[in-house]
C-alpha cells in the first residue's frame, strides 16, 4: 500500500447518510427527525441476538458529529445491569480509550452491531451471572454500573 492511501480523508456522514445506511442494514428500524434540530435523529427497531432469546426494542439517539446513545425500550432490564450508564439509561458499548466516535463513522456499521452483541451478552449474564462479552479495564465511571 502506498503512503498516500493510508492517509485518505474519509467524508463525514451526515444524517441522511446515517438513515440510508440504517435502512440498508436494519430495515426494521424506523427513524424520526427532530423538528427543532435537523441534525438530531432517533432510530427505533427490534433486534433478536439469537433465535432462542427475546426480541428487544432498541432506541438509538444520534446527533450529527456526536456519539450515539443506545437505550433498551423493551423488555425491561434488571435494576443494575452490567456495562450500563444508569444516569442516562444507556448501554456502555465501548471504552473511549479503545474507540472514539467520529463524524466518519456509521451507526449501522458500529453501534448497532455492538448493541446487538450487548443484548446477547446481557441475556447470557442473566442466565450465568457472568459477563462473557469483551471488557476493557478502566476506572469506574460516575453513573455507570
N, C-alpha and C. Protein backbone atom coordinates (compact mmCIF):
# COMPACT_ATOMS: atom_id res chain seq x y z
N UNK A 1 0.86 -1.17 0.00
CA UNK A 1 0.00 0.00 0.00
C UNK A 1 0.90 1.23 0.00
N UNK A 2 0.58 2.18 -0.88
CA UNK A 2 1.41 3.38 -0.91
C UNK A 2 1.06 4.29 0.26
N UNK A 3 1.96 5.17 0.54
CA UNK A 3 1.81 6.04 1.71
C UNK A 3 0.58 6.93 1.63
N UNK A 4 0.26 7.43 0.48
CA UNK A 4 -0.89 8.31 0.32
C UNK A 4 -2.19 7.59 0.63
N UNK A 5 -2.28 6.31 0.30
CA UNK A 5 -3.50 5.55 0.53
C UNK A 5 -3.83 5.43 2.02
N UNK A 6 -2.83 5.45 2.86
CA UNK A 6 -3.07 5.34 4.30
C UNK A 6 -3.66 6.60 4.89
N UNK A 7 -3.53 7.71 4.20
CA UNK A 7 -3.97 8.99 4.75
C UNK A 7 -5.14 9.58 3.98
N UNK A 8 -5.93 8.74 3.37
CA UNK A 8 -7.10 9.21 2.65
C UNK A 8 -8.11 9.71 3.67
N UNK A 9 -8.55 10.92 3.48
CA UNK A 9 -9.53 11.50 4.40
C UNK A 9 -10.92 11.03 3.98
N UNK A 10 -11.63 10.47 4.94
CA UNK A 10 -12.98 10.00 4.65
C UNK A 10 -13.96 11.15 4.80
N UNK A 11 -15.01 11.08 4.02
CA UNK A 11 -16.06 12.09 4.05
C UNK A 11 -16.94 11.88 5.29
N UNK A 12 -17.31 12.97 5.97
CA UNK A 12 -18.21 12.81 7.11
C UNK A 12 -19.59 12.34 6.64
N UNK A 13 -20.23 11.53 7.47
CA UNK A 13 -21.58 11.07 7.18
C UNK A 13 -22.59 12.01 7.83
N UNK A 14 -23.44 12.60 7.01
CA UNK A 14 -24.49 13.46 7.57
C UNK A 14 -25.67 12.59 7.99
N UNK A 15 -26.71 13.22 8.50
CA UNK A 15 -27.88 12.49 8.99
C UNK A 15 -28.51 11.66 7.86
N UNK A 16 -28.59 12.20 6.67
CA UNK A 16 -29.18 11.47 5.54
C UNK A 16 -28.39 10.20 5.25
N UNK A 17 -27.07 10.26 5.31
CA UNK A 17 -26.25 9.07 5.07
C UNK A 17 -26.45 8.04 6.17
N UNK A 18 -26.64 8.50 7.40
CA UNK A 18 -26.90 7.57 8.51
C UNK A 18 -28.23 6.85 8.28
N UNK A 19 -29.23 7.58 7.81
CA UNK A 19 -30.55 6.98 7.54
C UNK A 19 -30.45 5.93 6.44
N UNK A 20 -29.77 6.25 5.36
CA UNK A 20 -29.61 5.31 4.25
C UNK A 20 -28.90 4.04 4.71
N UNK A 21 -27.83 4.20 5.47
CA UNK A 21 -27.07 3.04 5.96
C UNK A 21 -27.93 2.17 6.88
N UNK A 22 -28.70 2.81 7.75
CA UNK A 22 -29.57 2.05 8.65
C UNK A 22 -30.67 1.32 7.87
N UNK A 23 -31.25 1.98 6.89
CA UNK A 23 -32.31 1.34 6.09
C UNK A 23 -31.77 0.09 5.38
N UNK A 24 -30.55 0.18 4.87
CA UNK A 24 -29.96 -0.96 4.17
C UNK A 24 -29.63 -2.10 5.12
N UNK A 25 -29.02 -1.79 6.24
CA UNK A 25 -28.55 -2.84 7.16
C UNK A 25 -29.64 -3.33 8.12
N UNK A 26 -30.52 -2.43 8.52
CA UNK A 26 -31.55 -2.75 9.53
C UNK A 26 -32.89 -2.16 9.10
N UNK A 27 -33.52 -2.75 8.08
CA UNK A 27 -34.77 -2.18 7.57
C UNK A 27 -35.92 -2.18 8.59
N UNK A 28 -35.79 -2.96 9.65
CA UNK A 28 -36.84 -2.99 10.67
C UNK A 28 -36.81 -1.76 11.56
N UNK A 29 -35.80 -0.93 11.44
CA UNK A 29 -35.71 0.29 12.26
C UNK A 29 -36.39 1.44 11.54
N UNK A 30 -37.17 2.19 12.29
CA UNK A 30 -37.78 3.41 11.78
C UNK A 30 -36.96 4.59 12.32
N UNK A 31 -37.20 5.75 11.78
CA UNK A 31 -36.46 6.92 12.27
C UNK A 31 -37.41 8.10 12.38
N UNK A 32 -37.04 8.99 13.29
CA UNK A 32 -37.77 10.24 13.47
C UNK A 32 -36.73 11.35 13.56
N UNK A 33 -36.90 12.35 12.72
CA UNK A 33 -36.03 13.52 12.80
C UNK A 33 -36.63 14.51 13.79
N UNK A 34 -35.78 15.17 14.52
CA UNK A 34 -36.24 16.18 15.45
C UNK A 34 -36.76 17.39 14.68
N UNK A 35 -37.90 17.92 15.09
CA UNK A 35 -38.46 19.11 14.44
C UNK A 35 -37.63 20.35 14.77
N UNK A 36 -37.02 20.35 15.94
CA UNK A 36 -36.27 21.54 16.36
C UNK A 36 -34.80 21.51 15.96
N UNK A 37 -34.26 20.33 15.66
CA UNK A 37 -32.84 20.20 15.30
C UNK A 37 -32.69 19.18 14.18
N UNK A 38 -32.49 19.60 12.94
CA UNK A 38 -32.41 18.67 11.82
C UNK A 38 -31.19 17.74 11.89
N UNK A 39 -30.27 18.02 12.79
CA UNK A 39 -29.09 17.17 12.94
C UNK A 39 -29.32 16.05 13.96
N UNK A 40 -30.50 16.00 14.56
CA UNK A 40 -30.82 15.01 15.59
C UNK A 40 -31.84 14.02 15.04
N UNK A 41 -31.55 12.74 15.21
CA UNK A 41 -32.43 11.69 14.71
C UNK A 41 -32.49 10.56 15.72
N UNK A 42 -33.63 9.90 15.75
CA UNK A 42 -33.81 8.75 16.63
C UNK A 42 -34.24 7.57 15.78
N UNK A 43 -33.53 6.45 15.93
CA UNK A 43 -33.89 5.20 15.29
C UNK A 43 -34.50 4.29 16.34
N UNK A 44 -35.58 3.59 16.00
CA UNK A 44 -36.20 2.63 16.91
C UNK A 44 -36.52 1.37 16.11
N UNK A 45 -36.14 0.23 16.68
CA UNK A 45 -36.43 -1.02 16.00
C UNK A 45 -36.17 -2.21 16.88
N UNK A 46 -36.54 -3.37 16.37
CA UNK A 46 -36.41 -4.60 17.13
C UNK A 46 -35.24 -5.43 16.62
N UNK A 47 -34.57 -6.08 17.57
CA UNK A 47 -33.47 -6.99 17.25
C UNK A 47 -33.64 -8.25 18.09
N UNK A 48 -33.09 -9.32 17.57
CA UNK A 48 -33.06 -10.58 18.32
C UNK A 48 -31.65 -11.14 18.14
N UNK A 49 -30.90 -11.18 19.21
CA UNK A 49 -29.50 -11.58 19.15
C UNK A 49 -29.31 -13.06 18.82
N UNK A 50 -30.31 -13.85 19.12
CA UNK A 50 -30.27 -15.29 18.86
C UNK A 50 -31.72 -15.77 18.81
N UNK A 51 -32.03 -16.76 17.96
CA UNK A 51 -33.43 -17.22 17.85
C UNK A 51 -34.05 -17.70 19.18
N UNK A 52 -33.23 -18.15 20.11
CA UNK A 52 -33.76 -18.63 21.40
C UNK A 52 -33.87 -17.53 22.44
N UNK A 53 -33.56 -16.31 22.08
CA UNK A 53 -33.59 -15.20 23.03
C UNK A 53 -34.74 -14.25 22.72
N UNK A 54 -35.14 -13.43 23.69
CA UNK A 54 -36.25 -12.50 23.46
C UNK A 54 -35.91 -11.44 22.41
N UNK A 55 -36.96 -10.88 21.85
CA UNK A 55 -36.83 -9.74 20.93
C UNK A 55 -36.69 -8.48 21.78
N UNK A 56 -35.75 -7.64 21.44
CA UNK A 56 -35.52 -6.38 22.15
C UNK A 56 -35.86 -5.22 21.23
N UNK A 57 -36.48 -4.20 21.78
CA UNK A 57 -36.69 -2.95 21.07
C UNK A 57 -35.62 -1.98 21.55
N UNK A 58 -34.84 -1.47 20.60
CA UNK A 58 -33.76 -0.55 20.91
C UNK A 58 -34.06 0.83 20.34
N UNK A 59 -33.59 1.83 21.03
CA UNK A 59 -33.70 3.22 20.58
C UNK A 59 -32.29 3.78 20.49
N UNK A 60 -31.94 4.31 19.31
CA UNK A 60 -30.62 4.90 19.10
C UNK A 60 -30.82 6.39 18.85
N UNK A 61 -30.32 7.20 19.76
CA UNK A 61 -30.40 8.65 19.61
C UNK A 61 -29.07 9.13 19.04
N UNK A 62 -29.14 9.88 17.94
CA UNK A 62 -27.92 10.33 17.26
C UNK A 62 -28.05 11.81 16.89
N UNK A 63 -27.04 12.56 17.27
CA UNK A 63 -26.92 13.95 16.84
C UNK A 63 -25.64 14.04 16.02
N UNK A 64 -25.73 14.64 14.85
CA UNK A 64 -24.61 14.72 13.93
C UNK A 64 -23.33 15.12 14.65
N UNK A 65 -22.30 14.35 14.42
CA UNK A 65 -20.95 14.55 14.96
C UNK A 65 -20.81 14.18 16.44
N UNK A 66 -21.85 13.63 17.05
CA UNK A 66 -21.76 13.22 18.46
C UNK A 66 -21.98 11.71 18.57
N UNK A 67 -21.43 11.12 19.59
CA UNK A 67 -21.58 9.68 19.80
C UNK A 67 -23.04 9.32 20.04
N UNK A 68 -23.55 8.30 19.38
CA UNK A 68 -24.93 7.87 19.59
C UNK A 68 -25.12 7.27 20.98
N UNK A 69 -26.34 7.28 21.44
CA UNK A 69 -26.71 6.69 22.73
C UNK A 69 -27.77 5.63 22.45
N UNK A 70 -27.55 4.43 22.98
CA UNK A 70 -28.49 3.32 22.76
C UNK A 70 -29.18 2.99 24.06
N UNK A 71 -30.51 2.91 23.98
CA UNK A 71 -31.32 2.55 25.14
C UNK A 71 -32.19 1.35 24.79
N UNK A 72 -32.46 0.53 25.79
CA UNK A 72 -33.38 -0.59 25.62
C UNK A 72 -34.78 -0.10 25.99
N UNK A 73 -35.70 -0.16 25.03
CA UNK A 73 -37.08 0.24 25.25
C UNK A 73 -37.84 -0.91 25.92
N UNK A 74 -37.64 -2.11 25.40
CA UNK A 74 -38.25 -3.31 25.98
C UNK A 74 -37.45 -4.52 25.55
N UNK A 75 -37.49 -5.58 26.35
CA UNK A 75 -38.11 -5.72 27.65
C UNK A 75 -37.34 -4.90 28.70
N UNK A 76 -37.95 -4.75 29.85
CA UNK A 76 -37.29 -4.01 30.93
C UNK A 76 -36.03 -4.75 31.38
N UNK A 77 -34.97 -3.99 31.62
CA UNK A 77 -33.74 -4.57 32.12
C UNK A 77 -33.82 -4.74 33.64
N UNK A 78 -32.98 -5.60 34.18
CA UNK A 78 -32.91 -5.72 35.63
C UNK A 78 -32.39 -4.41 36.20
N UNK A 79 -32.49 -4.24 37.50
CA UNK A 79 -32.17 -2.95 38.12
C UNK A 79 -30.74 -2.48 37.90
N UNK A 80 -29.76 -3.32 37.99
CA UNK A 80 -28.37 -2.89 37.85
C UNK A 80 -27.63 -3.77 36.83
N UNK A 81 -27.93 -3.62 35.55
CA UNK A 81 -27.25 -4.45 34.57
C UNK A 81 -25.78 -4.03 34.42
N UNK A 82 -24.93 -4.94 34.01
CA UNK A 82 -23.53 -4.58 33.79
C UNK A 82 -23.39 -3.75 32.51
N UNK A 83 -22.31 -3.01 32.44
CA UNK A 83 -21.99 -2.23 31.24
C UNK A 83 -23.16 -1.35 30.82
N UNK A 84 -23.56 -0.50 31.75
CA UNK A 84 -24.76 0.31 31.58
C UNK A 84 -24.57 1.64 32.31
N UNK A 85 -24.91 2.72 31.63
CA UNK A 85 -24.85 4.05 32.25
C UNK A 85 -26.22 4.34 32.87
N UNK A 86 -26.28 4.27 34.19
CA UNK A 86 -27.56 4.45 34.88
C UNK A 86 -28.10 5.86 34.73
N UNK A 87 -27.22 6.86 34.76
CA UNK A 87 -27.68 8.25 34.73
C UNK A 87 -28.44 8.58 33.44
N UNK A 88 -28.06 7.99 32.33
CA UNK A 88 -28.73 8.26 31.05
C UNK A 88 -29.47 7.03 30.53
N UNK A 89 -29.45 5.94 31.31
CA UNK A 89 -30.14 4.69 30.96
C UNK A 89 -29.71 4.18 29.59
N UNK A 90 -28.40 4.20 29.34
CA UNK A 90 -27.88 3.80 28.03
C UNK A 90 -26.84 2.69 28.17
N UNK A 91 -26.68 1.93 27.11
CA UNK A 91 -25.71 0.84 27.09
C UNK A 91 -24.29 1.38 26.99
N UNK A 92 -23.38 0.74 27.69
CA UNK A 92 -21.96 1.04 27.55
C UNK A 92 -21.42 0.05 26.52
N UNK A 93 -21.11 0.54 25.34
CA UNK A 93 -20.73 -0.34 24.23
C UNK A 93 -19.23 -0.36 23.95
N UNK A 94 -18.50 0.63 24.44
CA UNK A 94 -17.06 0.68 24.20
C UNK A 94 -16.41 1.61 25.21
N UNK A 95 -15.14 1.42 25.39
CA UNK A 95 -14.37 2.31 26.26
C UNK A 95 -13.73 3.39 25.38
N UNK A 96 -13.80 4.64 25.79
CA UNK A 96 -13.25 5.73 24.96
C UNK A 96 -11.77 5.57 24.60
N UNK A 97 -11.01 4.83 25.39
CA UNK A 97 -9.61 4.59 25.02
C UNK A 97 -9.48 3.60 23.88
N UNK A 98 -10.52 2.78 23.66
CA UNK A 98 -10.47 1.76 22.61
C UNK A 98 -11.15 2.18 21.32
N UNK A 99 -12.05 3.15 21.42
CA UNK A 99 -12.79 3.59 20.24
C UNK A 99 -13.25 5.02 20.47
N UNK A 100 -13.15 5.82 19.45
CA UNK A 100 -13.63 7.20 19.52
C UNK A 100 -14.61 7.41 18.38
N UNK A 101 -15.81 7.86 18.71
CA UNK A 101 -16.80 8.14 17.68
C UNK A 101 -16.32 9.34 16.87
N UNK A 102 -16.44 9.24 15.56
CA UNK A 102 -16.12 10.37 14.68
C UNK A 102 -17.26 10.58 13.70
N UNK A 103 -17.26 11.70 13.06
CA UNK A 103 -18.30 12.01 12.08
C UNK A 103 -18.18 11.15 10.83
N UNK A 104 -17.10 10.39 10.72
CA UNK A 104 -16.89 9.48 9.59
C UNK A 104 -17.31 8.05 9.92
N UNK A 105 -18.07 7.86 10.99
CA UNK A 105 -18.49 6.54 11.43
C UNK A 105 -19.99 6.37 11.19
N UNK A 106 -20.38 5.19 10.77
CA UNK A 106 -21.80 4.89 10.58
C UNK A 106 -22.36 4.12 11.76
N UNK A 107 -23.52 4.53 12.22
CA UNK A 107 -24.22 3.84 13.31
C UNK A 107 -24.47 2.39 12.90
N UNK A 108 -24.87 2.16 11.67
CA UNK A 108 -25.21 0.82 11.19
C UNK A 108 -24.01 -0.12 11.16
N UNK A 109 -22.81 0.42 11.02
CA UNK A 109 -21.61 -0.42 10.94
C UNK A 109 -20.96 -0.69 12.29
N UNK A 110 -21.24 0.14 13.27
CA UNK A 110 -20.55 0.01 14.55
C UNK A 110 -21.53 -0.13 15.71
N UNK A 111 -22.23 0.92 16.00
CA UNK A 111 -23.05 0.99 17.21
C UNK A 111 -24.13 -0.08 17.25
N UNK A 112 -24.85 -0.28 16.17
CA UNK A 112 -25.93 -1.27 16.20
C UNK A 112 -25.42 -2.70 16.34
N UNK A 113 -24.40 -3.13 15.60
CA UNK A 113 -23.87 -4.48 15.85
C UNK A 113 -23.38 -4.65 17.29
N UNK A 114 -22.75 -3.62 17.84
CA UNK A 114 -22.28 -3.71 19.22
C UNK A 114 -23.46 -3.79 20.19
N UNK A 115 -24.53 -3.06 19.91
CA UNK A 115 -25.71 -3.11 20.77
C UNK A 115 -26.36 -4.50 20.74
N UNK A 116 -26.40 -5.11 19.57
CA UNK A 116 -26.94 -6.46 19.46
C UNK A 116 -26.06 -7.43 20.24
N UNK A 117 -24.76 -7.24 20.16
CA UNK A 117 -23.84 -8.05 20.97
C UNK A 117 -24.09 -7.85 22.45
N UNK A 118 -24.32 -6.60 22.85
CA UNK A 118 -24.61 -6.30 24.26
C UNK A 118 -25.85 -7.07 24.71
N UNK A 119 -26.89 -7.06 23.89
CA UNK A 119 -28.13 -7.78 24.22
C UNK A 119 -27.83 -9.28 24.41
N UNK A 120 -27.05 -9.85 23.53
CA UNK A 120 -26.70 -11.26 23.64
C UNK A 120 -25.98 -11.54 24.95
N UNK A 121 -24.94 -10.76 25.25
CA UNK A 121 -24.16 -11.00 26.46
C UNK A 121 -24.96 -10.68 27.73
N UNK A 122 -25.89 -9.75 27.64
CA UNK A 122 -26.78 -9.48 28.76
C UNK A 122 -27.64 -10.70 29.06
N UNK A 123 -28.21 -11.31 28.02
CA UNK A 123 -29.04 -12.50 28.22
C UNK A 123 -28.22 -13.65 28.81
N UNK A 124 -26.99 -13.81 28.34
CA UNK A 124 -26.11 -14.84 28.90
C UNK A 124 -25.81 -14.52 30.36
N UNK A 125 -25.55 -13.25 30.65
CA UNK A 125 -25.29 -12.82 32.03
C UNK A 125 -26.49 -13.12 32.93
N UNK A 126 -27.70 -12.89 32.43
CA UNK A 126 -28.89 -13.20 33.22
C UNK A 126 -28.94 -14.68 33.60
N UNK A 127 -28.47 -15.54 32.70
CA UNK A 127 -28.53 -16.98 32.93
C UNK A 127 -27.35 -17.50 33.75
N UNK A 128 -26.17 -16.87 33.59
CA UNK A 128 -24.96 -17.43 34.22
C UNK A 128 -24.39 -16.57 35.34
N UNK A 129 -24.74 -15.27 35.35
CA UNK A 129 -24.15 -14.37 36.33
C UNK A 129 -22.77 -13.87 35.93
N UNK A 130 -22.31 -14.25 34.74
CA UNK A 130 -21.00 -13.79 34.25
C UNK A 130 -21.17 -13.07 32.93
N UNK A 131 -20.39 -11.98 32.77
CA UNK A 131 -20.39 -11.22 31.51
C UNK A 131 -19.28 -11.78 30.64
N UNK A 132 -19.64 -12.39 29.52
CA UNK A 132 -18.67 -13.01 28.63
C UNK A 132 -18.26 -12.10 27.48
N UNK A 133 -18.87 -10.94 27.37
CA UNK A 133 -18.51 -10.01 26.32
C UNK A 133 -17.17 -9.36 26.60
N UNK A 134 -16.64 -8.71 25.59
CA UNK A 134 -15.36 -8.01 25.73
C UNK A 134 -15.48 -6.92 26.79
N UNK A 135 -14.41 -6.74 27.54
CA UNK A 135 -14.38 -5.70 28.56
C UNK A 135 -13.02 -5.02 28.50
N UNK A 136 -13.01 -3.77 28.89
CA UNK A 136 -11.76 -3.02 28.98
C UNK A 136 -11.53 -2.66 30.43
N UNK A 137 -10.33 -2.89 30.91
CA UNK A 137 -10.01 -2.48 32.27
C UNK A 137 -9.97 -0.97 32.33
N UNK A 138 -10.70 -0.40 33.29
CA UNK A 138 -10.71 1.05 33.44
C UNK A 138 -11.26 1.43 34.80
N UNK A 139 -11.05 2.67 35.14
CA UNK A 139 -11.54 3.19 36.40
C UNK A 139 -13.07 3.28 36.32
N UNK A 140 -13.76 3.11 37.44
CA UNK A 140 -15.22 3.27 37.42
C UNK A 140 -15.60 4.66 36.95
N UNK A 141 -16.67 4.72 36.18
CA UNK A 141 -17.18 5.98 35.65
C UNK A 141 -18.43 6.35 36.43
N UNK A 142 -18.54 7.59 36.82
CA UNK A 142 -19.72 8.04 37.58
C UNK A 142 -20.98 7.74 36.77
N UNK A 143 -21.96 7.13 37.43
CA UNK A 143 -23.24 6.84 36.77
C UNK A 143 -23.27 5.51 36.07
N UNK A 144 -22.13 4.83 35.94
CA UNK A 144 -22.10 3.56 35.24
C UNK A 144 -21.97 2.44 36.25
N UNK A 145 -22.70 1.38 36.02
CA UNK A 145 -22.62 0.21 36.88
C UNK A 145 -22.14 -0.95 36.08
